[in-house]
N, C-alpha and C. Protein backbone atom coordinates (compact mmCIF):
# COMPACT_ATOMS: atom_id res chain seq x y z
N MET A 1 -3.45 5.17 4.67
CA MET A 1 -4.44 4.10 4.69
C MET A 1 -5.59 4.53 5.56
N MET A 2 -6.78 4.26 5.13
CA MET A 2 -7.99 4.62 5.78
C MET A 2 -8.95 3.40 5.89
N PRO A 3 -9.76 3.33 6.91
CA PRO A 3 -10.68 2.19 6.96
C PRO A 3 -11.79 2.20 5.94
N PHE A 4 -12.03 0.98 5.41
CA PHE A 4 -13.03 0.84 4.37
C PHE A 4 -14.41 1.34 4.84
N ASP A 5 -14.72 1.12 6.19
CA ASP A 5 -15.93 1.56 6.81
C ASP A 5 -16.15 3.06 6.87
N THR A 6 -15.16 3.84 6.57
CA THR A 6 -15.27 5.32 6.55
C THR A 6 -16.35 5.70 5.45
N VAL A 7 -16.33 5.05 4.29
CA VAL A 7 -17.06 5.37 3.24
C VAL A 7 -18.24 4.32 3.09
N PHE A 8 -18.06 3.08 3.40
CA PHE A 8 -19.02 2.02 3.20
C PHE A 8 -19.37 1.29 4.53
N PRO A 9 -19.98 2.02 5.48
CA PRO A 9 -20.13 1.36 6.82
C PRO A 9 -21.08 0.20 6.80
N ASP A 10 -22.17 0.25 6.06
CA ASP A 10 -23.10 -0.85 6.04
C ASP A 10 -22.49 -2.05 5.35
N LEU A 11 -21.83 -1.88 4.26
CA LEU A 11 -21.21 -2.98 3.52
C LEU A 11 -20.16 -3.61 4.33
N ALA A 12 -19.31 -2.73 5.00
CA ALA A 12 -18.24 -3.26 5.92
C ALA A 12 -18.88 -4.08 7.05
N LYS A 13 -19.92 -3.62 7.56
CA LYS A 13 -20.51 -4.32 8.75
C LYS A 13 -21.06 -5.72 8.18
N ASN A 14 -21.65 -5.76 7.02
CA ASN A 14 -22.24 -7.02 6.52
C ASN A 14 -21.26 -7.92 5.97
N GLU A 15 -20.06 -7.46 5.51
CA GLU A 15 -19.09 -8.26 4.86
C GLU A 15 -17.84 -8.47 5.64
N VAL A 16 -17.75 -8.02 6.91
CA VAL A 16 -16.56 -8.13 7.69
C VAL A 16 -16.17 -9.66 7.91
N ARG A 17 -14.97 -10.00 7.86
CA ARG A 17 -14.61 -11.42 8.12
C ARG A 17 -14.30 -11.47 9.58
N VAL A 18 -14.87 -12.50 10.17
CA VAL A 18 -14.67 -12.75 11.58
C VAL A 18 -14.33 -14.16 11.91
N ILE A 19 -13.31 -14.35 12.78
CA ILE A 19 -12.91 -15.73 13.15
C ILE A 19 -13.33 -15.80 14.65
N HIS A 20 -14.14 -16.85 14.92
CA HIS A 20 -14.59 -17.12 16.36
C HIS A 20 -13.68 -18.21 16.87
N ALA A 21 -12.80 -17.84 17.80
CA ALA A 21 -11.92 -18.87 18.45
C ALA A 21 -12.58 -19.31 19.68
N LEU A 22 -13.16 -20.57 19.72
CA LEU A 22 -13.89 -21.08 20.88
C LEU A 22 -12.97 -22.03 21.59
N ASP A 23 -12.31 -22.88 20.90
CA ASP A 23 -11.47 -23.93 21.63
C ASP A 23 -10.11 -24.09 20.82
N HIS A 24 -9.52 -22.91 20.67
CA HIS A 24 -8.23 -22.97 19.94
C HIS A 24 -7.07 -22.95 20.92
N HIS A 25 -6.17 -23.89 20.81
CA HIS A 25 -5.06 -24.00 21.73
C HIS A 25 -4.05 -22.80 21.67
N GLN A 26 -4.02 -22.03 20.66
CA GLN A 26 -3.03 -20.97 20.55
C GLN A 26 -3.72 -19.61 20.60
N LEU A 27 -4.99 -19.46 20.54
CA LEU A 27 -5.65 -18.15 20.51
C LEU A 27 -6.55 -17.97 21.71
N PRO A 28 -6.52 -16.84 22.36
CA PRO A 28 -7.45 -16.66 23.46
C PRO A 28 -8.88 -16.64 22.90
N LYS A 29 -9.82 -17.19 23.73
CA LYS A 29 -11.19 -17.29 23.33
C LYS A 29 -11.77 -15.89 22.87
N GLY A 30 -12.51 -15.83 21.82
CA GLY A 30 -13.10 -14.63 21.35
C GLY A 30 -13.27 -14.43 19.86
N ALA A 31 -13.78 -13.29 19.44
CA ALA A 31 -14.05 -13.00 18.08
C ALA A 31 -12.89 -12.07 17.63
N TYR A 32 -12.32 -12.42 16.37
CA TYR A 32 -11.34 -11.66 15.72
C TYR A 32 -11.77 -11.09 14.42
N LEU A 33 -12.01 -9.71 14.35
CA LEU A 33 -12.60 -9.09 13.23
C LEU A 33 -11.43 -8.58 12.35
N PHE A 34 -11.54 -8.80 10.98
CA PHE A 34 -10.62 -8.36 10.01
C PHE A 34 -11.10 -7.09 9.45
N ARG A 35 -10.55 -5.95 9.95
CA ARG A 35 -10.94 -4.63 9.47
C ARG A 35 -10.01 -4.15 8.29
N GLU A 36 -10.66 -3.72 7.24
CA GLU A 36 -9.89 -3.42 5.98
C GLU A 36 -9.53 -1.99 5.91
N PHE A 37 -8.30 -1.71 5.50
CA PHE A 37 -7.79 -0.38 5.31
C PHE A 37 -7.22 -0.26 3.86
N TYR A 38 -7.50 0.85 3.27
CA TYR A 38 -7.04 1.03 1.80
C TYR A 38 -6.38 2.37 1.70
N CYS A 39 -5.44 2.50 0.63
CA CYS A 39 -4.70 3.64 0.32
C CYS A 39 -5.68 4.79 -0.17
N HIS A 40 -5.39 6.00 0.28
CA HIS A 40 -6.28 7.10 -0.12
C HIS A 40 -5.49 8.17 -0.96
N GLU A 41 -4.47 7.70 -1.63
CA GLU A 41 -3.70 8.52 -2.61
C GLU A 41 -4.26 8.41 -4.01
N PRO A 42 -4.64 9.57 -4.62
CA PRO A 42 -5.21 9.49 -5.93
C PRO A 42 -4.24 8.89 -6.88
N ARG A 43 -4.67 8.10 -7.89
CA ARG A 43 -3.93 7.51 -8.94
C ARG A 43 -2.90 6.56 -8.53
N CYS A 44 -2.89 6.16 -7.18
CA CYS A 44 -1.98 5.11 -6.77
C CYS A 44 -2.64 3.78 -7.09
N ASP A 45 -1.88 2.88 -7.57
CA ASP A 45 -2.40 1.58 -7.94
C ASP A 45 -1.62 0.49 -7.09
N CYS A 46 -1.56 0.66 -5.79
CA CYS A 46 -0.78 -0.28 -5.02
C CYS A 46 -1.49 -1.65 -4.97
N ARG A 47 -2.70 -1.79 -5.16
CA ARG A 47 -3.44 -3.06 -5.19
C ARG A 47 -3.16 -3.93 -3.95
N ARG A 48 -3.41 -3.33 -2.83
CA ARG A 48 -3.18 -4.08 -1.55
C ARG A 48 -4.20 -3.62 -0.53
N VAL A 49 -4.28 -4.36 0.55
CA VAL A 49 -5.16 -4.15 1.63
C VAL A 49 -4.30 -4.24 2.97
N LEU A 50 -4.58 -3.42 3.89
CA LEU A 50 -3.99 -3.53 5.22
C LEU A 50 -5.14 -4.13 6.11
N LEU A 51 -5.00 -5.24 6.72
CA LEU A 51 -5.99 -5.83 7.56
C LEU A 51 -5.60 -5.69 9.03
N GLN A 52 -6.40 -5.00 9.75
CA GLN A 52 -6.14 -5.02 11.32
C GLN A 52 -7.08 -6.07 11.85
N VAL A 53 -6.50 -6.98 12.49
CA VAL A 53 -7.22 -8.07 13.12
C VAL A 53 -7.49 -7.59 14.51
N TYR A 54 -8.75 -7.28 14.81
CA TYR A 54 -9.14 -6.77 16.17
C TYR A 54 -9.74 -7.85 16.98
N TRP A 55 -9.16 -8.09 18.18
CA TRP A 55 -9.76 -9.05 19.14
C TRP A 55 -10.72 -8.33 19.99
N ALA A 56 -12.01 -8.58 19.78
CA ALA A 56 -13.15 -7.94 20.42
C ALA A 56 -13.15 -8.05 21.92
N GLU A 57 -12.87 -9.30 22.45
CA GLU A 57 -12.91 -9.41 23.93
C GLU A 57 -11.77 -8.65 24.56
N GLY A 58 -10.62 -8.68 23.93
CA GLY A 58 -9.40 -8.03 24.48
C GLY A 58 -9.38 -6.56 24.18
N ARG A 59 -10.28 -6.07 23.30
CA ARG A 59 -10.38 -4.73 22.94
C ARG A 59 -9.05 -4.12 22.43
N ARG A 60 -8.41 -4.87 21.53
CA ARG A 60 -7.14 -4.37 21.02
C ARG A 60 -6.83 -5.06 19.69
N VAL A 61 -5.90 -4.46 18.94
CA VAL A 61 -5.52 -4.98 17.64
C VAL A 61 -4.54 -6.20 17.93
N ALA A 62 -4.91 -7.35 17.41
CA ALA A 62 -4.08 -8.50 17.74
C ALA A 62 -3.02 -8.77 16.56
N ALA A 63 -3.30 -8.26 15.41
CA ALA A 63 -2.32 -8.42 14.33
C ALA A 63 -2.66 -7.35 13.17
N THR A 64 -1.62 -7.00 12.45
CA THR A 64 -1.83 -6.13 11.29
C THR A 64 -1.17 -6.81 10.11
N ILE A 65 -1.99 -7.27 9.09
CA ILE A 65 -1.55 -7.97 7.95
C ILE A 65 -1.62 -7.13 6.70
N ASN A 66 -0.43 -7.08 6.01
CA ASN A 66 -0.37 -6.39 4.73
C ASN A 66 -0.47 -7.44 3.59
N TYR A 67 -1.52 -7.30 2.74
CA TYR A 67 -1.72 -8.29 1.71
C TYR A 67 -1.92 -7.64 0.33
N ALA A 68 -0.92 -8.05 -0.63
CA ALA A 68 -1.06 -7.55 -1.99
C ALA A 68 -1.88 -8.62 -2.78
N PHE A 69 -2.70 -8.04 -3.62
CA PHE A 69 -3.60 -8.99 -4.42
C PHE A 69 -2.88 -9.85 -5.44
N GLU A 70 -1.85 -9.36 -5.96
CA GLU A 70 -1.00 -10.14 -6.95
C GLU A 70 0.47 -10.28 -6.36
N PRO A 71 1.15 -11.29 -6.88
CA PRO A 71 2.53 -11.37 -6.44
C PRO A 71 3.34 -10.13 -6.99
N PRO A 72 4.30 -9.71 -6.23
CA PRO A 72 4.95 -8.51 -6.66
C PRO A 72 5.75 -8.72 -7.91
N ARG A 73 5.87 -7.59 -8.65
CA ARG A 73 6.68 -7.62 -9.96
C ARG A 73 7.98 -6.85 -9.69
N ALA A 74 8.95 -7.03 -10.63
CA ALA A 74 10.21 -6.36 -10.50
C ALA A 74 9.94 -4.82 -10.49
N PRO A 75 10.58 -3.98 -9.80
CA PRO A 75 11.77 -4.33 -8.96
C PRO A 75 11.44 -4.74 -7.49
N PHE A 76 10.17 -4.98 -7.26
CA PHE A 76 9.81 -5.35 -5.86
C PHE A 76 9.57 -6.87 -5.69
N ASP A 77 10.10 -7.68 -6.61
CA ASP A 77 9.77 -9.06 -6.60
C ASP A 77 10.50 -9.78 -5.38
N ASP A 78 11.31 -9.11 -4.64
CA ASP A 78 11.91 -9.71 -3.45
C ASP A 78 11.03 -9.51 -2.27
N GLU A 79 9.97 -8.72 -2.30
CA GLU A 79 9.07 -8.53 -1.25
C GLU A 79 7.98 -9.59 -1.21
N PRO A 80 7.46 -9.93 -0.02
CA PRO A 80 6.46 -11.00 0.10
C PRO A 80 5.07 -10.43 -0.34
N GLN A 81 4.26 -11.25 -0.77
CA GLN A 81 2.89 -10.90 -1.18
C GLN A 81 2.03 -10.59 0.10
N MET A 82 2.34 -11.24 1.22
CA MET A 82 1.59 -10.93 2.46
C MET A 82 2.63 -11.07 3.57
N PHE A 83 2.42 -10.19 4.58
CA PHE A 83 3.38 -10.12 5.70
C PHE A 83 2.69 -9.44 6.91
N LEU A 84 3.22 -9.72 8.12
CA LEU A 84 2.86 -8.96 9.30
C LEU A 84 3.45 -7.57 9.18
N ASP A 85 2.66 -6.50 9.13
CA ASP A 85 3.21 -5.17 8.91
C ASP A 85 4.06 -4.72 10.13
N PRO A 86 5.37 -4.39 9.83
CA PRO A 86 6.25 -4.12 10.99
C PRO A 86 6.03 -2.76 11.55
N ILE A 87 5.32 -1.85 10.90
CA ILE A 87 5.13 -0.46 11.53
C ILE A 87 3.76 -0.31 12.18
N ASN A 88 2.98 -1.43 12.17
CA ASN A 88 1.68 -1.37 12.75
C ASN A 88 1.54 -2.35 13.97
N PRO A 89 0.55 -2.17 14.80
CA PRO A 89 0.43 -3.02 16.03
C PRO A 89 0.40 -4.58 15.74
N GLN A 90 1.17 -5.30 16.54
CA GLN A 90 1.15 -6.80 16.57
C GLN A 90 0.95 -7.18 18.03
N SER A 91 0.83 -8.54 18.25
CA SER A 91 0.74 -9.05 19.52
C SER A 91 1.36 -10.39 19.54
N ASP A 92 1.24 -11.14 20.65
CA ASP A 92 1.94 -12.41 20.78
C ASP A 92 1.12 -13.49 20.00
N VAL A 93 -0.02 -13.19 19.51
CA VAL A 93 -0.79 -14.19 18.67
C VAL A 93 -0.78 -13.77 17.21
N SER A 94 -0.04 -12.77 16.84
CA SER A 94 0.03 -12.27 15.44
C SER A 94 0.43 -13.44 14.40
N ASP A 95 1.42 -14.15 14.84
CA ASP A 95 1.81 -15.25 13.91
C ASP A 95 0.71 -16.35 13.66
N VAL A 96 0.01 -16.58 14.62
CA VAL A 96 -1.11 -17.54 14.60
C VAL A 96 -2.19 -17.02 13.67
N LEU A 97 -2.57 -15.81 13.88
CA LEU A 97 -3.61 -15.15 13.04
C LEU A 97 -3.11 -14.95 11.56
N PHE A 98 -1.83 -14.68 11.44
CA PHE A 98 -1.28 -14.60 10.08
C PHE A 98 -1.38 -16.02 9.33
N ASP A 99 -1.03 -17.07 10.03
CA ASP A 99 -1.14 -18.41 9.48
C ASP A 99 -2.57 -18.68 9.12
N MET A 100 -3.51 -18.33 9.93
CA MET A 100 -4.93 -18.59 9.67
C MET A 100 -5.36 -17.73 8.45
N PHE A 101 -4.91 -16.55 8.28
CA PHE A 101 -5.25 -15.72 7.17
C PHE A 101 -4.65 -16.28 5.84
N GLU A 102 -3.39 -16.74 5.95
CA GLU A 102 -2.75 -17.34 4.84
C GLU A 102 -3.57 -18.58 4.25
N LYS A 103 -3.95 -19.37 5.17
CA LYS A 103 -4.74 -20.60 4.79
C LYS A 103 -6.13 -20.13 4.24
N MET A 104 -6.74 -19.07 4.90
CA MET A 104 -8.01 -18.60 4.42
C MET A 104 -7.95 -18.09 3.05
N ILE A 105 -6.99 -17.28 2.69
CA ILE A 105 -6.78 -16.77 1.33
C ILE A 105 -6.49 -17.84 0.28
N ALA A 106 -5.74 -18.86 0.75
CA ALA A 106 -5.41 -19.88 -0.16
C ALA A 106 -6.54 -20.74 -0.53
N THR A 107 -7.54 -20.94 0.38
CA THR A 107 -8.67 -21.78 0.16
C THR A 107 -9.97 -21.13 -0.18
N ASP A 108 -10.03 -19.79 0.06
CA ASP A 108 -11.33 -19.12 -0.13
C ASP A 108 -11.19 -18.03 -1.16
N ARG A 109 -11.35 -18.32 -2.33
CA ARG A 109 -11.23 -17.39 -3.51
C ARG A 109 -12.25 -16.26 -3.44
N ALA A 110 -13.41 -16.57 -2.84
CA ALA A 110 -14.46 -15.51 -2.72
C ALA A 110 -14.06 -14.43 -1.78
N TYR A 111 -13.27 -14.73 -0.75
CA TYR A 111 -12.78 -13.69 0.17
C TYR A 111 -11.77 -12.81 -0.50
N HIS A 112 -10.86 -13.39 -1.26
CA HIS A 112 -9.87 -12.60 -2.06
C HIS A 112 -10.60 -11.71 -3.01
N ASP A 113 -11.60 -12.28 -3.77
CA ASP A 113 -12.35 -11.47 -4.74
C ASP A 113 -13.14 -10.38 -4.02
N ARG A 114 -13.55 -10.52 -2.76
CA ARG A 114 -14.24 -9.55 -2.13
C ARG A 114 -13.35 -8.35 -1.73
N LEU A 115 -12.12 -8.69 -1.27
CA LEU A 115 -11.16 -7.68 -0.99
C LEU A 115 -10.76 -6.92 -2.15
N VAL A 116 -10.68 -7.49 -3.29
CA VAL A 116 -10.31 -6.81 -4.56
C VAL A 116 -11.51 -5.89 -4.97
N ARG A 117 -12.75 -6.44 -4.85
CA ARG A 117 -13.98 -5.55 -5.15
C ARG A 117 -14.00 -4.42 -4.25
N HIS A 118 -13.69 -4.59 -2.90
CA HIS A 118 -13.80 -3.47 -1.93
C HIS A 118 -12.68 -2.43 -2.35
N TYR A 119 -11.52 -2.91 -2.81
CA TYR A 119 -10.45 -2.01 -3.18
C TYR A 119 -10.81 -1.21 -4.41
N GLU A 120 -11.43 -1.81 -5.40
CA GLU A 120 -11.94 -1.10 -6.55
C GLU A 120 -12.95 -0.06 -6.27
N MET A 121 -13.89 -0.45 -5.34
CA MET A 121 -14.95 0.52 -4.91
C MET A 121 -14.24 1.68 -4.17
N TRP A 122 -13.34 1.48 -3.38
CA TRP A 122 -12.61 2.50 -2.63
C TRP A 122 -11.86 3.47 -3.49
N LYS A 123 -11.18 2.83 -4.54
CA LYS A 123 -10.35 3.67 -5.46
C LYS A 123 -11.22 4.54 -6.29
N ARG A 124 -12.45 4.09 -6.60
CA ARG A 124 -13.42 4.94 -7.44
C ARG A 124 -13.71 6.14 -6.70
N VAL A 125 -13.93 6.05 -5.37
CA VAL A 125 -14.20 7.26 -4.50
C VAL A 125 -13.02 8.17 -4.45
N VAL A 126 -11.83 7.58 -4.23
CA VAL A 126 -10.53 8.37 -4.02
C VAL A 126 -10.23 9.11 -5.21
N ASP A 127 -10.36 8.44 -6.40
CA ASP A 127 -9.89 9.00 -7.67
C ASP A 127 -10.95 10.01 -8.28
N ASP A 128 -12.16 10.08 -7.87
CA ASP A 128 -13.16 10.89 -8.46
C ASP A 128 -13.58 12.06 -7.50
N PRO A 129 -12.96 13.23 -7.76
CA PRO A 129 -13.32 14.36 -6.89
C PRO A 129 -14.87 14.70 -6.95
N ALA A 130 -15.55 14.25 -7.96
CA ALA A 130 -16.95 14.55 -8.02
C ALA A 130 -17.81 13.47 -7.22
N HIS A 131 -17.22 12.47 -6.82
CA HIS A 131 -17.93 11.42 -6.02
C HIS A 131 -18.46 12.03 -4.82
N PRO A 132 -19.74 11.74 -4.40
CA PRO A 132 -20.28 12.38 -3.26
C PRO A 132 -19.58 11.98 -1.92
N ASP A 133 -18.89 10.91 -1.87
CA ASP A 133 -18.16 10.50 -0.58
C ASP A 133 -16.71 10.86 -0.73
N HIS A 134 -16.29 11.50 -1.75
CA HIS A 134 -14.88 11.85 -1.96
C HIS A 134 -14.27 12.72 -0.73
N ALA A 135 -15.14 13.59 -0.23
CA ALA A 135 -14.67 14.44 0.87
C ALA A 135 -14.32 13.69 2.16
N LYS A 136 -14.91 12.44 2.27
CA LYS A 136 -14.69 11.64 3.43
C LYS A 136 -13.21 11.14 3.41
N VAL A 137 -12.68 10.97 2.26
CA VAL A 137 -11.31 10.37 2.20
C VAL A 137 -10.21 11.41 1.82
N ARG A 138 -10.64 12.47 1.29
CA ARG A 138 -9.67 13.50 0.79
C ARG A 138 -10.06 14.87 1.31
N SER A 139 -9.18 15.64 1.69
CA SER A 139 -9.40 16.96 2.11
C SER A 139 -9.09 17.95 0.93
N GLU A 140 -9.49 19.29 1.13
CA GLU A 140 -9.19 20.18 0.01
C GLU A 140 -7.67 20.26 -0.31
N GLU A 141 -6.90 20.15 0.79
CA GLU A 141 -5.45 20.11 0.68
C GLU A 141 -4.94 18.99 -0.23
N HIS A 142 -5.57 17.82 -0.06
CA HIS A 142 -5.17 16.65 -0.84
C HIS A 142 -5.31 16.91 -2.26
N ASP A 143 -6.36 17.58 -2.65
CA ASP A 143 -6.69 17.75 -4.08
C ASP A 143 -6.23 19.03 -4.64
N ASP A 144 -5.41 19.81 -3.93
CA ASP A 144 -4.86 21.13 -4.35
C ASP A 144 -3.78 20.82 -5.41
N PRO A 145 -4.01 21.27 -6.62
CA PRO A 145 -3.01 20.88 -7.72
C PRO A 145 -1.61 21.58 -7.45
N SER A 146 -1.60 22.66 -6.60
CA SER A 146 -0.32 23.24 -6.34
C SER A 146 0.52 22.42 -5.39
N LEU A 147 -0.05 21.42 -4.71
CA LEU A 147 0.77 20.63 -3.87
C LEU A 147 1.46 19.52 -4.66
N ARG A 148 2.62 19.14 -4.23
CA ARG A 148 3.38 18.08 -4.95
C ARG A 148 2.60 16.78 -4.83
N PRO A 149 2.38 16.03 -5.96
CA PRO A 149 1.64 14.74 -5.90
C PRO A 149 2.50 13.69 -5.24
N ALA A 150 1.79 12.66 -4.68
CA ALA A 150 2.50 11.53 -4.10
C ALA A 150 3.39 10.79 -5.03
N PHE A 151 3.01 10.67 -6.26
CA PHE A 151 3.74 9.99 -7.26
C PHE A 151 4.04 10.89 -8.49
N PRO A 152 4.95 11.84 -8.37
CA PRO A 152 5.05 12.77 -9.45
C PRO A 152 5.77 12.09 -10.58
N LYS A 153 5.45 12.48 -11.90
CA LYS A 153 6.14 12.01 -13.00
C LYS A 153 7.43 12.84 -13.19
N GLU A 154 8.49 12.03 -13.16
CA GLU A 154 9.81 12.84 -13.29
C GLU A 154 10.17 12.96 -14.74
N GLU A 155 10.55 14.14 -15.11
CA GLU A 155 10.97 14.42 -16.49
C GLU A 155 12.45 13.94 -16.59
N PRO A 156 12.89 13.29 -17.69
CA PRO A 156 14.24 12.94 -17.87
C PRO A 156 15.17 14.14 -17.93
N PHE A 157 16.38 13.87 -17.36
CA PHE A 157 17.42 14.97 -17.31
C PHE A 157 17.87 15.23 -18.70
N ARG A 158 17.95 16.49 -19.11
CA ARG A 158 18.39 16.88 -20.38
C ARG A 158 19.57 17.87 -20.27
N ARG A 159 20.63 17.64 -20.89
CA ARG A 159 21.77 18.54 -20.86
C ARG A 159 21.63 19.69 -21.81
N ALA A 160 22.16 20.84 -21.48
CA ALA A 160 22.09 22.03 -22.33
C ALA A 160 22.95 21.86 -23.51
N GLN A 161 24.23 21.32 -23.28
CA GLN A 161 25.10 21.09 -24.29
C GLN A 161 25.46 19.61 -24.27
N PRO A 162 25.98 19.01 -25.41
CA PRO A 162 26.34 17.67 -25.46
C PRO A 162 27.45 17.37 -24.43
N LYS A 163 27.46 16.17 -23.89
CA LYS A 163 28.47 15.74 -22.96
C LYS A 163 29.78 15.69 -23.59
N VAL A 164 30.83 16.12 -22.85
CA VAL A 164 32.22 16.10 -23.40
C VAL A 164 32.82 14.90 -22.88
N GLY A 165 33.28 14.01 -23.70
CA GLY A 165 33.96 12.78 -23.30
C GLY A 165 35.34 13.02 -22.82
N PRO A 166 35.91 12.08 -22.06
CA PRO A 166 37.21 12.23 -21.52
C PRO A 166 38.41 12.30 -22.52
N ASN A 167 38.22 11.67 -23.69
CA ASN A 167 39.25 11.77 -24.63
C ASN A 167 39.06 12.81 -25.81
N GLU A 168 37.98 13.61 -25.65
CA GLU A 168 37.75 14.67 -26.64
C GLU A 168 38.56 15.89 -26.23
N PRO A 169 38.76 16.89 -27.16
CA PRO A 169 39.46 18.10 -26.80
C PRO A 169 38.65 18.89 -25.75
N CYS A 170 39.45 19.43 -24.88
CA CYS A 170 38.84 20.17 -23.78
C CYS A 170 38.06 21.44 -24.32
N PRO A 171 36.88 21.70 -23.79
CA PRO A 171 36.12 22.88 -24.25
C PRO A 171 36.76 24.21 -23.97
N CYS A 172 37.76 24.27 -23.07
CA CYS A 172 38.36 25.54 -22.76
C CYS A 172 39.36 26.05 -23.89
N GLY A 173 39.63 25.18 -24.81
CA GLY A 173 40.46 25.60 -26.01
C GLY A 173 41.88 25.28 -25.83
N SER A 174 42.38 24.64 -24.78
CA SER A 174 43.78 24.44 -24.57
C SER A 174 44.47 23.46 -25.51
N GLY A 175 43.65 22.63 -26.17
CA GLY A 175 44.10 21.63 -27.09
C GLY A 175 44.42 20.32 -26.44
N LYS A 176 44.35 20.28 -25.18
CA LYS A 176 44.61 19.04 -24.39
C LYS A 176 43.31 18.22 -24.39
N LYS A 177 43.54 16.91 -24.09
CA LYS A 177 42.36 16.03 -23.81
C LYS A 177 41.61 16.53 -22.62
N HIS A 178 40.29 16.43 -22.63
CA HIS A 178 39.46 16.88 -21.58
C HIS A 178 39.84 16.28 -20.17
N LYS A 179 40.25 14.94 -20.27
CA LYS A 179 40.52 14.26 -19.01
C LYS A 179 41.84 14.77 -18.39
N ARG A 180 42.70 15.40 -19.16
CA ARG A 180 43.99 15.89 -18.68
C ARG A 180 44.00 17.41 -18.36
N CYS A 181 42.77 18.00 -18.61
CA CYS A 181 42.73 19.46 -18.47
C CYS A 181 41.68 19.83 -17.37
N CYS A 182 40.49 20.14 -17.83
CA CYS A 182 39.49 20.74 -17.00
C CYS A 182 38.42 19.75 -16.44
N ARG A 183 38.57 18.51 -16.76
CA ARG A 183 37.56 17.53 -16.28
C ARG A 183 37.77 17.38 -14.76
N PRO A 184 36.63 17.46 -14.03
CA PRO A 184 36.72 17.36 -12.54
C PRO A 184 37.07 15.98 -12.07
């Protein structure tokens, strides 16, 4: 994951979501900036954003929220659409900020659409080696075809000979059933 402002600093500055807590009983006074991070793996279609909520006055990350644009499909349908990311920084006010974000996404469709638009802009840069900003998000090693891709296509397993069933004659020629002879 890399910050959106790596490639689009002006747009990120103009469209950053900020919550100003002036008289909130659960949040320390100050500005809370929602900084967007997106996946930089080519051809990955994770369709999610990682939001680090930065408390400006405290000069630290107050919450890290992982938000998928659509509800998860099988086999991941047991995972939540949004959650506090357990492997990234959290604080004692993370739950409050998460609740605020949940309400914000539920009531402000334009914000959701903006995050999706930013994701699509980001992926165009990541997936196109000819894009002028591609080098900002990918190194030469990332695009080296000799390296194993992040999401390789697995070829199905093919047997050289047909599988010998347990009740078929053993291939060793003993005349016994395979399950009573050489079967492991």
